[in-house]
Amino acid sequence: MVVLRCTRKLLRRLRKAPLENPPASSTLLGDWYANVLFVYRKPLILAVSARTLLPVLIPARDPASLLPRLAAALGEILKALGIPARQIRAEQEQMTEVTFAPTVSRQILGTMNDFDRMLDPAPGESLASAALQLAMAPCGPIGMESPDRATLVLFASSSH
């Protein structure tokens, strides 16, 4: 089970009522924070792992398929980082059930705003490639480590 902590703007767009005190996420990457942003006038959802700040970008369409599309995009990012397939599958299996909740960390929201300002995909660049570029940026909330390295360390230290 994964907790998706959405901004008010995204919750309105998804027409979801947030759970104020959700249970803990069972995923290795923890809760996910999500917001809708616009790149070249196209709505995208930026989702960020609360544990490593790993960013994932998906098109903001079809709210019913949000979680499967997020899990698939995460799988693509983790594969590009060299995470073993069995660990990717285990993480994705934990993401089949979702609980929507409000955001609680201003630090993570600040990082998401930084990612929004840094996001400038080249024409034709994939969302996965753009997310991987963001993942290389050092982030204050994780001790100026980059989300890609923090994610690699987390998966390497896990027997997940």
Protein backbone atom coordinates (compact mmCIF):
# COMPACT_ATOMS: atom_id res chain seq x y z
CA MET A 1 0.00 0.00 0.00
CA VAL A 2 1.27 3.45 -0.86
CA VAL A 3 0.23 6.84 0.50
CA LEU A 4 0.00 9.47 -2.23
CA ARG A 5 0.25 12.89 -0.58
CA CYS A 6 -1.24 15.31 -3.07
CA THR A 7 -1.38 19.07 -3.16
CA ARG A 8 -4.86 20.60 -2.87
CA LYS A 9 -4.68 21.52 -6.56
CA LEU A 10 -4.09 17.88 -7.55
CA LEU A 11 -6.69 16.50 -5.12
CA ARG A 12 -9.30 18.81 -6.71
CA ARG A 13 -8.25 17.67 -10.19
CA LEU A 14 -8.49 14.00 -9.15
CA ARG A 15 -11.73 14.61 -7.20
CA LYS A 16 -10.32 12.72 -4.21
CA ALA A 17 -11.01 13.29 -0.53
CA PRO A 18 -7.76 12.92 1.44
CA LEU A 19 -7.42 10.76 4.52
CA GLU A 20 -6.02 12.94 7.32
CA ASN A 21 -4.21 10.16 9.23
CA PRO A 22 -3.27 7.48 6.69
CA PRO A 23 -1.44 4.27 7.60
CA ALA A 24 2.25 4.08 6.74
CA SER A 25 3.25 3.20 3.18
CA SER A 26 4.53 -0.35 2.79
CA THR A 27 6.83 0.61 -0.10
CA LEU A 28 10.58 0.91 0.29
CA LEU A 29 10.44 4.45 -1.14
CA GLY A 30 7.79 5.47 1.42
CA ASP A 31 5.02 7.96 0.84
CA TRP A 32 4.86 9.82 -2.46
CA TYR A 33 4.17 13.53 -2.85
CA ALA A 34 2.43 14.64 -6.02
CA ASN A 35 1.50 17.89 -7.72
CA VAL A 36 0.21 18.92 -11.11
CA LEU A 37 2.39 21.28 -13.11
CA PHE A 38 2.39 22.58 -16.64
CA VAL A 39 5.26 22.13 -19.09
CA TYR A 40 4.76 23.72 -22.49
CA ARG A 41 1.06 24.10 -21.56
CA LYS A 42 0.72 20.35 -21.01
CA PRO A 43 -0.35 19.16 -17.56
CA LEU A 44 2.06 16.72 -15.91
CA ILE A 45 2.09 15.08 -12.52
CA LEU A 46 5.36 15.32 -10.65
CA ALA A 47 5.57 12.62 -7.97
CA VAL A 48 8.46 12.55 -5.50
CA SER A 49 9.42 9.79 -3.05
CA ALA A 50 9.36 11.11 0.51
CA ARG A 51 12.33 8.92 1.44
CA THR A 52 14.81 9.67 -1.38
CA LEU A 53 13.14 12.55 -3.30
CA LEU A 54 13.30 10.44 -6.47
CA PRO A 55 11.14 12.28 -9.05
CA VAL A 56 8.75 10.61 -11.50
CA LEU A 57 6.84 12.44 -14.24
CA ILE A 58 3.63 11.21 -15.86
CA PRO A 59 0.99 12.89 -18.03
CA ALA A 60 -1.91 14.31 -16.00
CA ARG A 61 -4.73 12.43 -17.67
CA ASP A 62 -7.18 9.69 -16.76
CA PRO A 63 -7.25 9.88 -12.93
CA ALA A 64 -8.46 6.26 -12.73
CA SER A 65 -5.16 4.98 -14.14
CA LEU A 66 -2.93 7.29 -12.09
CA LEU A 67 -1.47 4.61 -9.83
CA PRO A 68 -0.69 1.99 -12.52
CA ARG A 69 0.91 4.70 -14.68
CA LEU A 70 2.94 5.99 -11.72
CA ALA A 71 4.12 2.45 -10.88
CA ALA A 72 5.07 1.82 -14.53
CA ALA A 73 6.96 5.12 -14.80
CA LEU A 74 8.73 4.38 -11.50
CA GLY A 75 9.75 0.99 -12.87
CA GLU A 76 11.29 2.68 -15.90
CA ILE A 77 13.26 5.11 -13.69
CA LEU A 78 14.46 2.36 -11.33
CA LYS A 79 15.51 0.18 -14.29
CA ALA A 80 17.51 3.09 -15.72
CA LEU A 81 19.24 3.45 -12.34
CA GLY A 82 20.24 -0.22 -12.44
CA ILE A 83 17.95 -1.49 -9.67
CA PRO A 84 17.46 -5.29 -9.97
CA ALA A 85 14.21 -6.35 -11.67
CA ARG A 86 13.01 -8.36 -8.64
CA GLN A 87 13.30 -5.27 -6.40
CA ILE A 88 11.45 -3.17 -9.00
CA ARG A 89 8.64 -5.74 -9.16
CA ALA A 90 8.42 -5.87 -5.35
CA GLU A 91 8.11 -2.08 -5.16
CA GLN A 92 5.48 -1.99 -7.90
CA GLU A 93 3.46 -4.79 -6.24
CA GLN A 94 3.30 -2.69 -3.06
CA MET A 95 1.84 0.16 -5.14
CA THR A 96 -1.33 -1.65 -6.21
CA GLU A 97 -3.35 -0.09 -3.39
CA VAL A 98 -3.34 3.66 -2.77
CA THR A 99 -4.49 5.99 -0.03
CA PHE A 100 -4.76 9.69 -0.82
CA ALA A 101 -3.62 12.11 1.86
CA PRO A 102 -2.72 15.79 2.13
CA THR A 103 0.88 16.95 2.02
CA VAL A 104 2.62 17.40 5.38
CA SER A 105 6.26 18.24 4.55
CA ARG A 106 7.12 21.76 3.46
CA GLN A 107 10.68 20.58 2.75
CA ILE A 108 9.49 18.07 0.16
CA LEU A 109 7.12 20.65 -1.37
CA GLY A 110 10.09 23.04 -1.60
CA THR A 111 12.10 20.37 -3.43
CA MET A 112 9.17 19.82 -5.78
CA ASN A 113 9.08 23.56 -6.51
CA ASP A 114 12.83 23.42 -7.24
CA PHE A 115 12.25 20.49 -9.61
CA ASP A 116 9.45 22.43 -11.31
CA ARG A 117 11.82 25.38 -11.92
CA MET A 118 14.60 23.06 -13.17
CA LEU A 119 12.33 21.05 -15.47
CA ASP A 120 13.02 22.00 -19.07
CA PRO A 121 12.70 18.91 -21.26
CA ALA A 122 14.08 19.15 -24.78
CA PRO A 123 11.51 18.74 -27.55
CA GLY A 124 10.84 15.02 -27.93
CA GLU A 125 12.65 14.11 -24.67
CA SER A 126 10.89 11.38 -22.71
CA LEU A 127 9.42 12.11 -19.30
CA ALA A 128 11.64 9.37 -17.85
CA SER A 129 14.74 11.08 -19.24
CA ALA A 130 13.62 14.45 -17.85
CA ALA A 131 12.95 12.85 -14.43
CA LEU A 132 16.39 11.20 -14.45
CA GLN A 133 17.95 14.62 -15.12
CA LEU A 134 16.13 16.05 -12.09
CA ALA A 135 17.23 13.04 -10.01
CA MET A 136 20.88 14.07 -10.39
CA ALA A 137 20.37 17.40 -8.58
CA PRO A 138 21.66 17.62 -5.00
CA CYS A 139 18.80 18.17 -2.53
CA GLY A 140 19.00 19.78 0.90
CA PRO A 141 16.43 17.57 2.68
CA ILE A 142 18.62 14.49 2.02
CA GLY A 143 21.93 16.09 3.04
CA MET A 144 22.77 17.51 -0.42
CA GLU A 145 22.76 13.99 -1.84
CA SER A 146 21.14 13.46 -5.22
CA PRO A 147 17.87 11.46 -5.36
CA ASP A 148 19.35 8.96 -7.83
CA ARG A 149 22.26 8.11 -5.49
CA ALA A 150 20.02 8.11 -2.40
CA THR A 151 17.70 5.65 -4.17
CA LEU A 152 20.60 3.38 -5.17
CA VAL A 153 21.86 3.34 -1.55
CA LEU A 154 18.36 2.60 -0.22
CA PHE A 155 17.81 -0.36 -2.56
CA ALA A 156 21.35 -1.67 -2.04
CA SER A 157 20.88 -1.67 1.74
CA SER A 158 17.50 -3.38 1.49
CA SER A 159 16.74 -7.06 1.34
CA HIS A 160 13.32 -6.02 -0.08
